[in-house]
Protein backbone atom coordinates (compact mmCIF):
# COMPACT_ATOMS: atom_id res chain seq x y z
CA MET A 1 125.76 97.97 103.28
CA ASP A 2 122.30 99.24 103.00
CA LEU A 3 120.75 97.85 106.27
CA LEU A 4 117.32 98.73 105.43
CA ARG A 5 117.07 97.64 102.19
CA HIS A 6 118.92 93.94 103.34
CA LEU A 7 116.58 93.81 106.63
CA GLU A 8 113.54 94.07 103.65
CA PHE A 9 115.04 91.21 102.54
CA PHE A 10 115.55 89.06 105.50
CA VAL A 11 111.72 90.04 106.62
CA ALA A 12 110.18 88.92 103.18
CA ILE A 13 112.04 85.85 103.38
CA ALA A 14 111.21 84.99 107.13
CA GLU A 15 107.63 85.46 105.88
CA GLU A 16 107.18 84.00 102.73
CA GLU A 17 109.76 80.97 104.04
CA HIS A 18 110.63 80.69 100.48
CA PHE A 19 113.94 82.74 98.27
CA GLY A 20 111.68 83.01 95.04
CA HIS A 21 108.85 83.76 96.78
CA ALA A 22 110.06 86.71 98.74
CA ALA A 23 112.03 87.88 95.74
CA ALA A 24 108.77 87.90 93.35
CA ARG A 25 106.95 89.94 96.39
CA LEU A 26 110.10 92.50 96.24
CA GLY A 27 109.86 92.80 92.58
CA MET A 28 113.87 91.27 91.82
CA ALA A 29 115.73 88.31 91.13
CA GLN A 30 116.57 85.70 93.40
CA PRO A 31 120.75 85.50 92.97
CA PRO A 32 120.69 89.43 94.28
CA LEU A 33 118.17 88.55 97.14
CA SER A 34 120.13 85.49 98.59
CA GLN A 35 123.36 87.63 98.26
CA GLY A 36 121.87 90.66 100.28
CA LEU A 37 120.76 88.34 103.26
CA GLN A 38 124.27 86.37 103.37
CA ARG A 39 125.88 90.43 103.32
CA LEU A 40 123.35 90.83 106.02
CA GLU A 41 124.05 87.67 107.92
CA ARG A 42 128.04 88.71 107.92
CA SER A 43 127.65 92.13 108.72
CA LEU A 44 125.67 90.53 112.00
CA GLY A 45 127.89 87.58 112.48
CA VAL A 46 125.31 85.61 112.61
CA VAL A 47 123.08 83.15 110.47
CA LEU A 48 119.31 84.24 110.18
CA ILE A 49 118.04 81.71 108.06
CA ASP A 50 118.47 77.70 107.39
CA ARG A 51 118.14 77.00 103.82
CA SER A 52 117.35 73.65 102.62
CA SER A 53 115.58 72.12 99.54
CA ARG A 54 112.21 72.67 101.09
CA GLY A 55 112.43 76.66 101.74
CA ALA A 56 113.92 78.93 104.37
CA ARG A 57 113.04 78.64 108.05
CA LEU A 58 113.86 80.97 110.84
CA ASN A 59 116.69 80.13 113.03
CA ALA A 60 116.85 80.82 116.67
CA ALA A 61 119.10 84.08 115.96
CA GLY A 62 116.26 84.90 112.96
CA ARG A 63 113.07 84.21 115.56
CA ASP A 64 114.95 86.75 117.55
CA LEU A 65 115.95 89.37 115.69
CA LEU A 66 112.33 89.25 112.97
CA PRO A 67 110.44 91.57 115.88
CA ARG A 68 113.06 94.22 115.64
CA ALA A 69 113.96 94.12 112.09
CA ARG A 70 110.40 94.78 111.75
CA ALA A 71 109.99 97.37 114.29
CA LEU A 72 113.00 99.26 112.27
CA LEU A 73 111.61 99.21 109.00
CA GLU A 74 108.12 100.82 110.16
CA ASP A 75 110.26 103.46 112.25
CA ALA A 76 111.92 104.07 109.08
CA GLN A 77 108.51 104.42 107.24
CA ASP A 78 107.17 106.68 109.84
CA LEU A 79 110.36 108.84 109.35
CA ARG A 80 110.03 108.86 105.73
CA ARG A 81 105.94 109.77 106.14
CA ALA A 82 107.05 112.51 109.09
CA ALA A 83 109.37 114.36 106.61
CA SER A 84 107.65 114.20 103.53
CA ALA A 85 104.85 116.42 105.54
CA HIS A 86 107.38 118.86 105.78
CA GLY A 87 108.84 118.86 102.48
CA ALA A 88 105.50 118.41 100.70
CA THR A 89 105.40 119.20 97.01
CA PRO A 90 104.52 122.17 95.76
CA VAL A 91 100.18 123.10 95.09
CA ARG A 92 99.44 122.12 91.54
CA ILE A 93 97.27 125.32 90.20
CA GLY A 94 95.93 125.64 86.95
CA THR A 95 94.33 128.97 85.53
CA VAL A 96 92.94 129.89 82.39
CA PRO A 97 94.55 131.90 79.83
CA GLN A 98 91.33 134.14 80.32
CA LEU A 99 92.74 135.47 83.87
CA PRO A 100 94.83 138.51 84.43
CA ILE A 101 98.37 138.19 84.68
CA ARG A 102 98.04 140.42 88.07
CA THR A 103 95.53 137.65 89.23
CA VAL A 104 97.67 135.01 88.19
CA ALA A 105 100.46 136.55 90.11
CA ALA A 106 98.44 137.58 93.34
CA ILE A 107 97.13 133.76 93.54
CA ALA A 108 100.60 132.32 93.62
CA THR A 109 101.50 134.56 96.49
CA ALA A 110 98.41 133.65 98.47
CA CYS A 111 100.13 130.17 98.96
CA SER A 112 101.63 129.79 102.03
CA ASP A 113 104.51 128.30 99.34
CA PRO A 114 105.51 128.86 95.66
CA PRO A 115 102.84 127.13 93.59
CA ASP A 116 103.67 125.51 90.46
CA ILE A 117 101.02 127.00 87.81
CA VAL A 118 99.83 125.66 84.62
CA THR A 119 97.94 127.65 81.54
CA ALA A 120 95.77 126.13 79.85
CA SER A 121 92.07 125.68 78.55
CA SER A 122 89.23 124.90 81.24
CA THR A 123 88.22 121.77 79.54
CA GLU A 124 91.92 120.90 79.71
CA LEU A 125 92.34 122.05 83.38
CA LEU A 126 89.20 119.80 84.45
CA ASP A 127 90.77 116.52 82.74
CA ALA A 128 94.04 117.45 84.66
CA LEU A 129 92.19 117.96 88.31
CA ALA A 130 90.32 114.59 87.26
CA ALA A 131 92.93 112.84 86.85
CA GLY A 132 95.27 113.92 89.84
CA ARG A 133 97.61 116.02 87.86
CA LEU A 134 96.45 119.18 89.28
CA ASP A 135 95.13 120.20 92.63
CA LEU A 136 93.22 123.40 91.92
CA ALA A 137 91.94 124.80 88.58
CA VAL A 138 90.45 128.15 88.14
CA VAL A 139 88.19 127.78 85.04
CA VAL A 140 85.89 130.13 83.24
CA HIS A 141 82.46 129.47 84.56
CA PRO A 142 80.07 127.63 83.74
CA ALA A 143 81.88 124.55 83.39
CA LEU A 144 81.31 120.79 82.92
CA LEU A 145 82.49 119.74 86.26
CA GLY A 146 81.50 116.03 86.64
CA SER A 147 82.31 115.00 90.09
CA LEU A 148 84.45 117.63 90.89
CA GLN A 149 83.73 120.50 93.48
CA SER A 150 83.17 124.05 92.98
CA GLY A 151 83.63 127.23 94.92
CA PRO A 152 81.91 130.53 94.41
CA VAL A 153 81.55 132.05 91.12
CA HIS A 154 83.44 135.36 90.99
CA ARG A 155 82.64 137.91 88.44
CA LEU A 156 86.19 140.15 86.93
CA ASP A 157 85.22 143.38 85.17
CA THR A 158 85.35 142.98 81.91
CA ALA A 159 86.18 145.61 78.96
CA LEU A 160 85.50 145.73 75.22
CA LEU A 161 88.42 145.95 72.41
CA LEU A 162 87.20 146.83 68.78
CA PRO A 163 89.12 148.66 66.15
CA ALA A 164 89.51 151.92 66.90
CA GLY A 165 88.51 153.26 63.50
CA HIS A 166 84.80 151.64 63.95
CA PRO A 167 82.10 153.48 64.76
CA ALA A 168 81.07 152.28 68.04
CA ALA A 169 84.62 153.12 69.35
CA ALA A 170 83.35 156.99 68.81
CA THR A 171 80.81 156.13 71.96
CA ALA A 172 81.85 157.98 75.42
CA GLY A 173 79.81 155.50 77.46
CA PRO A 174 78.89 151.48 77.38
CA VAL A 175 78.86 150.23 73.62
CA ALA A 176 75.75 148.76 72.88
CA LEU A 177 76.63 145.29 71.64
CA ARG A 178 73.91 145.43 68.71
CA SER A 179 76.00 148.41 67.55
CA LEU A 180 79.13 145.82 66.87
CA ARG A 181 77.09 144.05 63.99
CA GLY A 182 80.05 143.33 61.27
CA LEU A 183 82.62 142.36 63.28
CA ALA A 184 83.23 138.82 64.93
CA LEU A 185 83.77 137.80 68.35
CA ALA A 186 87.31 136.88 68.79
CA THR A 187 87.18 133.95 71.57
CA ALA A 188 88.23 130.80 72.91
CA PRO A 189 87.50 128.11 70.57
CA ARG A 190 84.28 126.09 71.98
CA PRO A 191 85.99 122.75 72.88
CA HIS A 192 88.12 124.67 75.20
CA GLY A 193 84.99 125.38 77.34
CA PRO A 194 81.62 124.62 75.50
CA ALA A 195 79.37 125.72 78.34
CA ALA A 196 80.75 128.99 79.02
CA HIS A 197 81.15 129.44 74.96
CA ASP A 198 77.44 128.70 74.39
CA LEU A 199 75.99 130.97 77.47
CA LEU A 200 78.34 133.79 75.73
CA LEU A 201 77.12 133.86 72.54
CA ASP A 202 73.77 133.20 73.90
CA THR A 203 74.00 136.18 76.04
CA LEU A 204 75.01 138.61 72.80
CA GLU A 205 72.11 137.38 70.93
CA GLN A 206 69.85 138.39 73.61
CA ARG A 207 71.21 141.39 73.52
CA GLY A 208 70.78 141.88 70.05
CA LEU A 209 73.83 140.74 68.47
CA VAL A 210 74.09 137.72 66.14
CA THR A 211 77.75 137.11 65.06
CA GLY A 212 80.61 134.69 64.04
CA THR A 213 83.41 133.95 66.10
CA LEU A 214 87.24 133.85 65.64
CA ASN A 215 89.78 131.47 67.47
CA ALA A 216 91.45 133.01 69.66
CA PRO A 217 92.95 130.69 72.40
CA ASP A 218 94.23 133.33 74.57
CA ASP A 219 93.79 137.15 74.62
CA ARG A 220 96.91 137.75 72.54
CA SER A 221 95.70 135.75 69.48
CA ALA A 222 92.32 137.90 70.61
CA LEU A 223 94.22 141.30 70.07
CA VAL A 224 95.80 140.35 66.68
CA HIS A 225 92.49 139.88 65.58
CA VAL A 226 91.11 143.62 66.55
CA VAL A 227 94.11 145.10 65.31
CA ALA A 228 93.35 143.75 61.91
CA GLY A 229 89.77 144.81 62.06
CA ARG A 230 88.16 141.99 61.67
CA ALA A 231 86.68 140.99 65.28
CA PHE A 232 85.64 142.62 68.60
CA ALA A 233 87.45 140.97 71.80
CA LEU A 234 86.37 140.98 75.77
CA THR A 235 88.95 140.86 78.22
CA ALA A 236 89.21 140.89 81.93
CA ASP A 237 92.70 141.90 81.66
CA PRO A 238 93.07 145.84 82.52
CA ASP A 239 96.48 146.19 80.98
CA LEU A 240 95.38 144.70 77.48
CA GLY A 241 96.16 147.04 74.69
CA ALA A 242 97.89 147.99 71.67
CA PRO A 243 97.67 151.01 68.56
CA GLY A 244 94.63 150.78 66.57
CA VAL A 245 92.67 149.31 69.31
CA ALA A 246 89.96 151.28 71.23
CA ARG A 247 89.05 149.75 74.92
CA ARG A 248 85.36 150.73 75.95
CA SER A 249 83.06 149.67 78.72
CA VAL A 250 80.25 147.31 77.95
CA ALA A 251 76.94 147.21 79.48
CA ALA A 252 76.64 144.48 82.53
CA SER A 253 79.81 142.02 81.38
CA ARG A 254 81.54 140.04 83.88
CA CYS A 255 84.64 137.11 83.25
CA ARG A 256 82.54 134.58 85.41
CA CYS A 257 84.87 132.33 86.75
CA ALA A 258 85.47 129.62 89.83
CA CYS A 259 87.90 127.61 91.52
CA ALA A 260 87.65 124.10 91.08
CA ARG A 261 88.95 121.12 93.18
CA ARG A 262 88.16 117.15 93.27
CA GLY A 263 86.07 115.71 95.65
CA ALA A 264 86.07 115.17 99.48
CA ALA A 265 88.27 111.97 98.65
CA SER A 266 91.06 111.89 96.13
CA ARG A 267 91.64 109.41 93.50
CA ALA A 268 93.77 107.38 96.58
CA GLY A 269 91.57 107.35 98.92
CA ARG A 270 92.32 110.44 101.09
CA SER A 271 91.39 113.98 101.73
CA PRO A 272 92.77 116.93 100.36
CA SER A 273 95.96 118.00 102.14
CA PRO A 274 95.62 121.15 104.49
CA PRO A 275 97.77 123.06 102.18
CA ILE A 276 95.43 122.16 99.27
CA ARG A 277 92.15 123.09 101.17
CA THR A 278 94.07 126.70 102.38
CA SER A 279 95.18 127.46 98.93
CA ALA A 280 91.58 126.66 97.56
CA ARG A 281 90.15 129.44 99.84
CA ARG A 282 92.91 131.84 99.66
CA ALA A 283 93.28 131.78 95.72
CA SER A 284 90.09 132.27 94.78
CA PRO A 285 89.74 135.03 91.62
CA ALA A 286 88.17 137.54 93.81
CA GLY A 287 90.57 137.93 96.90
CA ALA A 288 93.43 137.47 94.10
CA SER A 289 91.98 140.80 91.96
CA ARG A 290 91.56 142.55 94.93
CA ARG A 291 95.28 142.19 96.12
CA ALA A 292 96.42 142.58 92.52
CA ALA A 293 94.81 146.08 92.41
CA ALA A 294 95.99 146.71 95.62
CA ALA A 295 99.07 146.29 95.02
CA ALA A 296 98.93 147.70 91.50
CA PRO A 297 100.90 151.18 91.13
């Protein structure tokens, strides 16, 4: 017999004074509720509820045992809460594809317990964060945060990838962006992060380059366009490259990221848990990049 479950039946019937109302309160049918109370009474060796056509009433034994039943149920709930604090679910972190894999790995190791990490666009991550499906999200800055909170903006060094046969690839120093005319920019589609996408194109235009774009939701997709000779790409991944692709520096280029999280009160009306607040502090892109660089061979 499930003692706690049957004690719940007893308390509900005692408080509602009606089997039908108690069954509705517990979200169950009336027959198994009645059967559960009978099993409890048989186990205890005493009748607790007097049944009649007018309802259900506690008898003397029931009135004596009701406070104890409530106390047992409250203690059981306290035990569950205490256990859940020790077996907390992993922190759920979202990262954008533009974040180097070394940085993602460093973010994971920065957490006291292994987190659940998903990769998606800034827009998708922020939607998931707002809906409570994520605890933290590292997104490309700027981004439309709405009611979400953002930590400091971190800048990651960015390299230029271009076809090895392009004249600009012969440049030893930083490449002037205007020398890339004739190549499209392989970058994430605008819906993946409208604010960051528009800022990037505006910045290129200010530096003398007006160009079209080719959809590349991640760095690997961008690399395919570069290998084909159709485009150039900007990457924060220090390991990204391929035969036929030149890697060059580009003046004052940085990938800007920020760690976003829900506000001080979650949708459930509670403040973020200490593990989440700690992870938000430790899992910053800049700190993770430093740890990744230190661990690199």
